[in-house]
């Protein structure tokens, strides 16, 4: 069981160089957890892709539907005051702190590509690239 950042979800669902790593992660750790915030972040990523004309709207809608179907069952409640405290103690956004807080609450790690989170919370994070060789966490 792991908590995954929205950038990991994007890597799984959008063709790119990190897709094999995200697939390997899903294979090794099929039980993903996310805070409800993932929905807002994912929609923002898709809107940015649409503005940049990366994909036509119909494809973005398909990506959203797939992500939603996959992750809604993975949503977990978290202690928002703990997230506020973590944000303050690590000098990070409360958005990022929600993912870290959920990982800590669940006694697991957050898989992320966010360099700041990897640097500021190495005990709670692991980069997606960790899964490129198939090594166990």
N, C-alpha and C. Protein backbone atom coordinates (compact mmCIF):
# COMPACT_ATOMS: atom_id res chain seq x y z
N UNK A 1 0.84 -1.17 0.00
CA UNK A 1 0.00 0.00 0.00
C UNK A 1 0.89 1.25 0.00
N UNK A 2 0.58 2.18 -0.91
CA UNK A 2 1.29 3.45 -0.99
C UNK A 2 0.29 4.57 -1.24
N UNK A 3 0.69 5.77 -0.90
CA UNK A 3 -0.03 6.96 -1.30
C UNK A 3 0.66 7.46 -2.56
N UNK A 4 -0.12 7.86 -3.55
CA UNK A 4 0.47 8.35 -4.79
C UNK A 4 0.08 9.81 -5.00
N UNK A 5 1.04 10.56 -5.49
CA UNK A 5 0.83 11.96 -5.86
C UNK A 5 0.14 12.00 -7.22
N UNK A 6 -0.49 13.10 -7.51
CA UNK A 6 -1.20 13.24 -8.78
C UNK A 6 -0.26 13.07 -9.96
N UNK A 7 0.99 13.49 -9.83
CA UNK A 7 1.92 13.34 -10.95
C UNK A 7 2.19 11.88 -11.28
N UNK A 8 2.03 11.00 -10.32
CA UNK A 8 2.18 9.56 -10.56
C UNK A 8 0.98 9.03 -11.34
N UNK A 9 -0.19 9.53 -10.99
CA UNK A 9 -1.41 9.14 -11.71
C UNK A 9 -1.32 9.58 -13.17
N UNK A 10 -0.86 10.81 -13.38
CA UNK A 10 -0.69 11.32 -14.74
C UNK A 10 0.31 10.45 -15.50
N UNK A 11 1.39 10.07 -14.85
CA UNK A 11 2.40 9.22 -15.50
C UNK A 11 1.82 7.87 -15.90
N UNK A 12 0.86 7.38 -15.14
CA UNK A 12 0.24 6.09 -15.47
C UNK A 12 -0.72 6.20 -16.64
N UNK A 13 -1.45 7.32 -16.73
CA UNK A 13 -2.54 7.42 -17.70
C UNK A 13 -2.22 8.20 -18.97
N UNK A 14 -1.10 8.92 -18.96
CA UNK A 14 -0.74 9.73 -20.13
C UNK A 14 0.58 9.21 -20.68
N UNK A 15 0.58 8.83 -21.94
CA UNK A 15 1.78 8.28 -22.57
C UNK A 15 2.97 9.22 -22.38
N UNK A 16 4.05 8.68 -21.86
CA UNK A 16 5.25 9.47 -21.65
C UNK A 16 6.36 8.59 -21.12
N UNK A 17 7.54 9.17 -20.88
CA UNK A 17 8.70 8.38 -20.48
C UNK A 17 8.58 7.71 -19.11
N UNK A 18 7.69 8.22 -18.25
CA UNK A 18 7.56 7.66 -16.91
C UNK A 18 6.44 6.62 -16.79
N UNK A 19 5.74 6.39 -17.90
CA UNK A 19 4.65 5.41 -17.87
C UNK A 19 5.12 4.01 -17.45
N UNK A 20 6.26 3.51 -17.94
CA UNK A 20 6.69 2.17 -17.50
C UNK A 20 6.96 2.10 -16.00
N UNK A 21 7.48 3.18 -15.43
CA UNK A 21 7.75 3.21 -13.99
C UNK A 21 6.44 3.16 -13.20
N UNK A 22 5.45 3.94 -13.66
CA UNK A 22 4.17 3.96 -12.95
C UNK A 22 3.47 2.61 -13.08
N UNK A 23 3.62 1.96 -14.23
CA UNK A 23 3.05 0.62 -14.39
C UNK A 23 3.73 -0.38 -13.46
N UNK A 24 5.06 -0.26 -13.33
CA UNK A 24 5.81 -1.14 -12.44
C UNK A 24 5.37 -0.91 -10.99
N UNK A 25 5.18 0.34 -10.63
CA UNK A 25 4.69 0.67 -9.29
C UNK A 25 3.33 0.02 -9.06
N UNK A 26 2.43 0.17 -10.01
CA UNK A 26 1.06 -0.38 -9.88
C UNK A 26 1.12 -1.90 -9.75
N UNK A 27 2.06 -2.51 -10.46
CA UNK A 27 2.25 -3.95 -10.39
C UNK A 27 2.76 -4.38 -9.01
N UNK A 28 3.75 -3.65 -8.49
CA UNK A 28 4.35 -3.98 -7.20
C UNK A 28 3.48 -3.56 -6.02
N UNK A 29 2.82 -2.43 -6.18
CA UNK A 29 1.98 -1.87 -5.11
C UNK A 29 0.59 -1.56 -5.68
N UNK A 30 -0.26 -2.56 -5.82
CA UNK A 30 -1.56 -2.33 -6.46
C UNK A 30 -2.54 -1.54 -5.60
N UNK A 31 -2.29 -1.46 -4.29
CA UNK A 31 -3.19 -0.74 -3.40
C UNK A 31 -2.73 0.70 -3.22
N UNK A 32 -3.31 1.59 -4.02
CA UNK A 32 -2.98 3.01 -3.96
C UNK A 32 -4.00 3.74 -3.09
N UNK A 33 -3.52 4.76 -2.41
CA UNK A 33 -4.40 5.64 -1.63
C UNK A 33 -4.12 7.08 -2.03
N UNK A 34 -5.17 7.91 -1.96
CA UNK A 34 -5.05 9.33 -2.30
C UNK A 34 -6.00 10.13 -1.42
N UNK A 35 -5.64 11.40 -1.14
CA UNK A 35 -6.63 12.28 -0.51
C UNK A 35 -7.60 12.76 -1.59
N UNK A 36 -8.75 13.24 -1.18
CA UNK A 36 -9.74 13.71 -2.15
C UNK A 36 -9.19 14.83 -3.03
N UNK A 37 -8.21 15.53 -2.55
CA UNK A 37 -7.58 16.63 -3.30
C UNK A 37 -7.09 16.20 -4.68
N UNK A 38 -6.78 14.93 -4.86
CA UNK A 38 -6.26 14.46 -6.15
C UNK A 38 -7.19 14.88 -7.29
N UNK A 39 -8.49 14.91 -7.03
CA UNK A 39 -9.46 15.24 -8.09
C UNK A 39 -9.19 16.64 -8.65
N UNK A 40 -8.99 17.59 -7.75
CA UNK A 40 -8.77 18.98 -8.16
C UNK A 40 -7.44 19.13 -8.90
N UNK A 41 -6.42 18.46 -8.38
CA UNK A 41 -5.11 18.53 -9.04
C UNK A 41 -5.16 17.89 -10.42
N UNK A 42 -5.82 16.76 -10.53
CA UNK A 42 -5.91 16.06 -11.82
C UNK A 42 -6.66 16.91 -12.84
N UNK A 43 -7.77 17.49 -12.42
CA UNK A 43 -8.52 18.35 -13.33
C UNK A 43 -7.69 19.54 -13.79
N UNK A 44 -6.88 20.08 -12.89
CA UNK A 44 -6.02 21.20 -13.25
C UNK A 44 -4.97 20.77 -14.27
N UNK A 45 -4.39 19.60 -14.09
CA UNK A 45 -3.41 19.08 -15.06
C UNK A 45 -4.07 18.91 -16.42
N UNK A 46 -5.27 18.35 -16.44
CA UNK A 46 -5.97 18.14 -17.71
C UNK A 46 -6.34 19.46 -18.38
N UNK A 47 -6.76 20.45 -17.58
CA UNK A 47 -7.07 21.76 -18.13
C UNK A 47 -5.82 22.42 -18.73
N UNK A 48 -4.70 22.24 -18.06
CA UNK A 48 -3.43 22.77 -18.58
C UNK A 48 -3.07 22.10 -19.89
N UNK A 49 -3.30 20.79 -19.98
CA UNK A 49 -3.03 20.07 -21.23
C UNK A 49 -3.94 20.56 -22.34
N UNK A 50 -5.17 20.86 -22.00
CA UNK A 50 -6.10 21.35 -23.03
C UNK A 50 -5.67 22.74 -23.52
N UNK A 51 -5.30 23.61 -22.61
CA UNK A 51 -4.84 24.94 -23.01
C UNK A 51 -3.60 24.86 -23.88
N UNK A 52 -2.73 23.89 -23.56
CA UNK A 52 -1.51 23.71 -24.35
C UNK A 52 -1.72 22.87 -25.60
N UNK A 53 -2.96 22.48 -25.82
CA UNK A 53 -3.32 21.68 -27.00
C UNK A 53 -2.50 20.38 -27.07
N UNK A 54 -2.24 19.80 -25.90
CA UNK A 54 -1.51 18.54 -25.83
C UNK A 54 -2.37 17.39 -26.34
N UNK A 55 -3.65 17.41 -25.94
CA UNK A 55 -4.62 16.40 -26.37
C UNK A 55 -5.93 17.10 -26.68
N UNK A 56 -6.73 16.51 -27.56
CA UNK A 56 -8.07 17.05 -27.77
C UNK A 56 -8.94 16.79 -26.53
N UNK A 57 -9.95 17.59 -26.36
CA UNK A 57 -10.81 17.49 -25.19
C UNK A 57 -11.36 16.08 -25.00
N UNK A 58 -11.76 15.42 -26.06
CA UNK A 58 -12.34 14.08 -25.94
C UNK A 58 -11.37 13.11 -25.28
N UNK A 59 -10.09 13.21 -25.59
CA UNK A 59 -9.09 12.34 -24.96
C UNK A 59 -8.91 12.71 -23.49
N UNK A 60 -8.93 14.00 -23.19
CA UNK A 60 -8.79 14.44 -21.80
C UNK A 60 -9.97 13.96 -20.96
N UNK A 61 -11.15 13.98 -21.55
CA UNK A 61 -12.33 13.48 -20.84
C UNK A 61 -12.20 11.99 -20.57
N UNK A 62 -11.66 11.25 -21.51
CA UNK A 62 -11.44 9.81 -21.31
C UNK A 62 -10.42 9.56 -20.20
N UNK A 63 -9.35 10.36 -20.19
CA UNK A 63 -8.34 10.23 -19.14
C UNK A 63 -8.97 10.51 -17.78
N UNK A 64 -9.80 11.57 -17.70
CA UNK A 64 -10.47 11.91 -16.44
C UNK A 64 -11.37 10.76 -15.97
N UNK A 65 -12.17 10.23 -16.88
CA UNK A 65 -13.09 9.14 -16.50
C UNK A 65 -12.33 7.92 -16.01
N UNK A 66 -11.24 7.60 -16.66
CA UNK A 66 -10.43 6.47 -16.24
C UNK A 66 -9.81 6.72 -14.87
N UNK A 67 -9.25 7.91 -14.68
CA UNK A 67 -8.65 8.26 -13.38
C UNK A 67 -9.70 8.22 -12.27
N UNK A 68 -10.85 8.80 -12.56
CA UNK A 68 -11.92 8.86 -11.56
C UNK A 68 -12.36 7.46 -11.16
N UNK A 69 -12.59 6.61 -12.13
CA UNK A 69 -13.02 5.23 -11.85
C UNK A 69 -11.96 4.48 -11.05
N UNK A 70 -10.71 4.72 -11.38
CA UNK A 70 -9.62 4.03 -10.72
C UNK A 70 -9.39 4.53 -9.29
N UNK A 71 -9.50 5.84 -9.06
CA UNK A 71 -9.06 6.40 -7.79
C UNK A 71 -10.14 6.73 -6.76
N UNK A 72 -11.37 6.92 -7.16
CA UNK A 72 -12.39 7.22 -6.16
C UNK A 72 -12.43 6.15 -5.07
N UNK A 73 -12.34 4.86 -5.40
CA UNK A 73 -12.31 3.87 -4.32
C UNK A 73 -11.05 3.94 -3.45
N UNK A 74 -10.04 4.65 -3.92
CA UNK A 74 -8.76 4.76 -3.20
C UNK A 74 -8.70 5.99 -2.29
N UNK A 75 -9.73 6.83 -2.34
CA UNK A 75 -9.73 8.06 -1.54
C UNK A 75 -9.82 7.72 -0.06
N UNK A 76 -9.03 8.43 0.72
CA UNK A 76 -8.99 8.23 2.17
C UNK A 76 -9.15 9.57 2.88
N UNK A 77 -9.78 9.52 4.02
CA UNK A 77 -9.89 10.72 4.86
C UNK A 77 -8.56 10.96 5.55
N UNK A 78 -8.31 12.21 5.84
CA UNK A 78 -7.08 12.53 6.55
C UNK A 78 -7.35 13.59 7.60
N UNK A 79 -6.41 13.74 8.49
CA UNK A 79 -6.48 14.74 9.56
C UNK A 79 -5.98 16.06 8.98
N UNK A 80 -6.93 16.95 8.68
CA UNK A 80 -6.57 18.22 8.03
C UNK A 80 -5.75 19.13 8.93
N UNK A 81 -5.97 19.07 10.24
CA UNK A 81 -5.14 19.87 11.15
C UNK A 81 -3.70 19.36 11.16
N UNK A 82 -3.54 18.06 11.03
CA UNK A 82 -2.19 17.49 10.92
C UNK A 82 -1.53 17.95 9.63
N UNK A 83 -2.33 18.06 8.56
CA UNK A 83 -1.79 18.55 7.28
C UNK A 83 -1.36 20.00 7.41
N UNK A 84 -2.15 20.79 8.12
CA UNK A 84 -1.79 22.19 8.35
C UNK A 84 -0.49 22.28 9.13
N UNK A 85 -0.37 21.47 10.15
CA UNK A 85 0.85 21.44 10.96
C UNK A 85 2.06 21.02 10.13
N UNK A 86 1.88 19.99 9.29
CA UNK A 86 2.98 19.52 8.45
C UNK A 86 3.39 20.59 7.44
N UNK A 87 2.40 21.27 6.87
CA UNK A 87 2.70 22.34 5.91
C UNK A 87 3.56 23.41 6.57
N UNK A 88 3.19 23.78 7.78
CA UNK A 88 3.96 24.81 8.49
C UNK A 88 5.35 24.32 8.87
N UNK A 89 5.43 23.09 9.36
CA UNK A 89 6.73 22.60 9.82
C UNK A 89 7.71 22.35 8.68
N UNK A 90 7.21 21.99 7.50
CA UNK A 90 8.10 21.72 6.36
C UNK A 90 8.19 22.87 5.36
N UNK A 91 7.41 23.93 5.61
CA UNK A 91 7.34 25.08 4.69
C UNK A 91 6.94 24.62 3.28
N UNK A 92 5.84 23.89 3.21
CA UNK A 92 5.30 23.42 1.94
C UNK A 92 3.83 23.82 1.86
N UNK A 93 3.24 23.66 0.70
CA UNK A 93 1.82 23.99 0.57
C UNK A 93 0.98 22.97 1.34
N UNK A 94 -0.18 23.41 1.79
CA UNK A 94 -1.07 22.48 2.48
C UNK A 94 -1.59 21.42 1.51
N UNK A 95 -1.57 21.74 0.22
CA UNK A 95 -1.96 20.75 -0.78
C UNK A 95 -0.98 19.58 -0.75
N UNK A 96 0.31 19.88 -0.83
CA UNK A 96 1.32 18.83 -0.76
C UNK A 96 1.30 18.12 0.59
N UNK A 97 1.06 18.89 1.65
CA UNK A 97 1.05 18.31 2.99
C UNK A 97 -0.06 17.28 3.16
N UNK A 98 -1.15 17.42 2.41
CA UNK A 98 -2.23 16.43 2.52
C UNK A 98 -1.76 15.04 2.08
N UNK A 99 -0.99 14.99 1.02
CA UNK A 99 -0.48 13.71 0.54
C UNK A 99 0.50 13.11 1.55
N UNK A 100 1.39 13.95 2.09
CA UNK A 100 2.35 13.47 3.09
C UNK A 100 1.66 13.04 4.37
N UNK A 101 0.67 13.81 4.80
CA UNK A 101 -0.06 13.48 6.02
C UNK A 101 -0.78 12.15 5.88
N UNK A 102 -1.39 11.93 4.73
CA UNK A 102 -2.07 10.67 4.49
C UNK A 102 -1.07 9.51 4.55
N UNK A 103 0.09 9.68 3.95
CA UNK A 103 1.11 8.63 4.00
C UNK A 103 1.51 8.34 5.45
N UNK A 104 1.73 9.38 6.22
CA UNK A 104 2.11 9.18 7.62
C UNK A 104 0.99 8.49 8.40
N UNK A 105 -0.24 8.95 8.20
CA UNK A 105 -1.39 8.33 8.88
C UNK A 105 -1.51 6.85 8.57
N UNK A 106 -1.23 6.49 7.33
CA UNK A 106 -1.40 5.11 6.90
C UNK A 106 -0.16 4.25 7.15
N UNK A 107 0.90 4.87 7.63
CA UNK A 107 2.13 4.13 7.91
C UNK A 107 2.82 3.64 6.66
N UNK A 108 2.77 4.47 5.61
CA UNK A 108 3.38 4.08 4.34
C UNK A 108 4.15 5.28 3.78
N UNK A 109 4.45 5.23 2.51
CA UNK A 109 5.19 6.32 1.85
C UNK A 109 4.33 6.95 0.76
N UNK A 110 4.75 8.15 0.38
CA UNK A 110 4.16 8.85 -0.76
C UNK A 110 5.10 8.68 -1.94
N UNK A 111 4.59 8.17 -3.03
CA UNK A 111 5.38 8.09 -4.26
C UNK A 111 5.07 9.36 -5.04
N UNK A 112 6.12 10.10 -5.35
CA UNK A 112 5.96 11.41 -5.98
C UNK A 112 7.14 11.74 -6.88
N UNK A 113 6.91 12.66 -7.78
CA UNK A 113 7.99 13.20 -8.60
C UNK A 113 8.31 14.63 -8.17
N UNK A 114 7.70 15.08 -7.10
CA UNK A 114 7.90 16.44 -6.60
C UNK A 114 9.25 16.51 -5.87
N UNK A 115 10.21 17.17 -6.49
CA UNK A 115 11.57 17.23 -5.94
C UNK A 115 11.62 17.89 -4.56
N UNK A 116 10.79 18.91 -4.35
CA UNK A 116 10.77 19.58 -3.05
C UNK A 116 10.30 18.62 -1.96
N UNK A 117 9.27 17.84 -2.23
CA UNK A 117 8.78 16.89 -1.23
C UNK A 117 9.80 15.79 -0.98
N UNK A 118 10.44 15.33 -2.03
CA UNK A 118 11.47 14.31 -1.87
C UNK A 118 12.62 14.82 -1.00
N UNK A 119 12.94 16.09 -1.16
CA UNK A 119 14.04 16.68 -0.38
C UNK A 119 13.61 16.97 1.06
N UNK A 120 12.42 17.51 1.24
CA UNK A 120 11.99 17.94 2.56
C UNK A 120 11.43 16.82 3.43
N UNK A 121 10.97 15.74 2.82
CA UNK A 121 10.39 14.64 3.60
C UNK A 121 10.90 13.29 3.08
N UNK A 122 12.21 13.08 3.10
CA UNK A 122 12.75 11.84 2.54
C UNK A 122 12.28 10.58 3.28
N UNK A 123 11.92 10.71 4.54
CA UNK A 123 11.45 9.57 5.33
C UNK A 123 10.02 9.16 4.97
N UNK A 124 9.29 10.04 4.27
CA UNK A 124 7.90 9.76 3.90
C UNK A 124 7.70 9.63 2.39
N UNK A 125 8.76 9.79 1.61
CA UNK A 125 8.59 9.82 0.16
C UNK A 125 9.54 8.85 -0.55
N UNK A 126 9.16 8.55 -1.77
CA UNK A 126 10.01 7.76 -2.66
C UNK A 126 9.73 8.26 -4.07
N UNK A 127 10.77 8.43 -4.88
CA UNK A 127 10.53 8.87 -6.26
C UNK A 127 9.98 7.74 -7.11
N UNK A 128 9.21 8.10 -8.10
CA UNK A 128 8.69 7.12 -9.04
C UNK A 128 9.82 6.37 -9.73
N UNK A 129 10.94 7.03 -9.94
CA UNK A 129 12.08 6.38 -10.60
C UNK A 129 12.60 5.19 -9.81
N UNK A 130 12.27 5.10 -8.55
CA UNK A 130 12.64 3.94 -7.74
C UNK A 130 12.10 2.65 -8.36
N UNK A 131 11.03 2.76 -9.09
CA UNK A 131 10.37 1.59 -9.65
C UNK A 131 10.82 1.27 -11.08
N UNK A 132 11.75 2.05 -11.63
CA UNK A 132 12.16 1.79 -13.01
C UNK A 132 12.94 0.50 -13.16
N UNK A 133 13.65 0.09 -12.12
CA UNK A 133 14.43 -1.15 -12.22
C UNK A 133 13.69 -2.33 -11.65
N UNK A 134 12.52 -2.05 -11.06
CA UNK A 134 11.77 -3.15 -10.47
C UNK A 134 12.22 -3.50 -9.07
N UNK A 135 13.06 -2.64 -8.45
CA UNK A 135 13.51 -2.92 -7.11
C UNK A 135 12.37 -2.75 -6.12
N UNK A 136 12.39 -3.54 -5.08
CA UNK A 136 11.35 -3.47 -4.06
C UNK A 136 11.59 -2.25 -3.17
N UNK A 137 10.50 -1.62 -2.71
CA UNK A 137 10.64 -0.47 -1.80
C UNK A 137 11.21 -0.88 -0.47
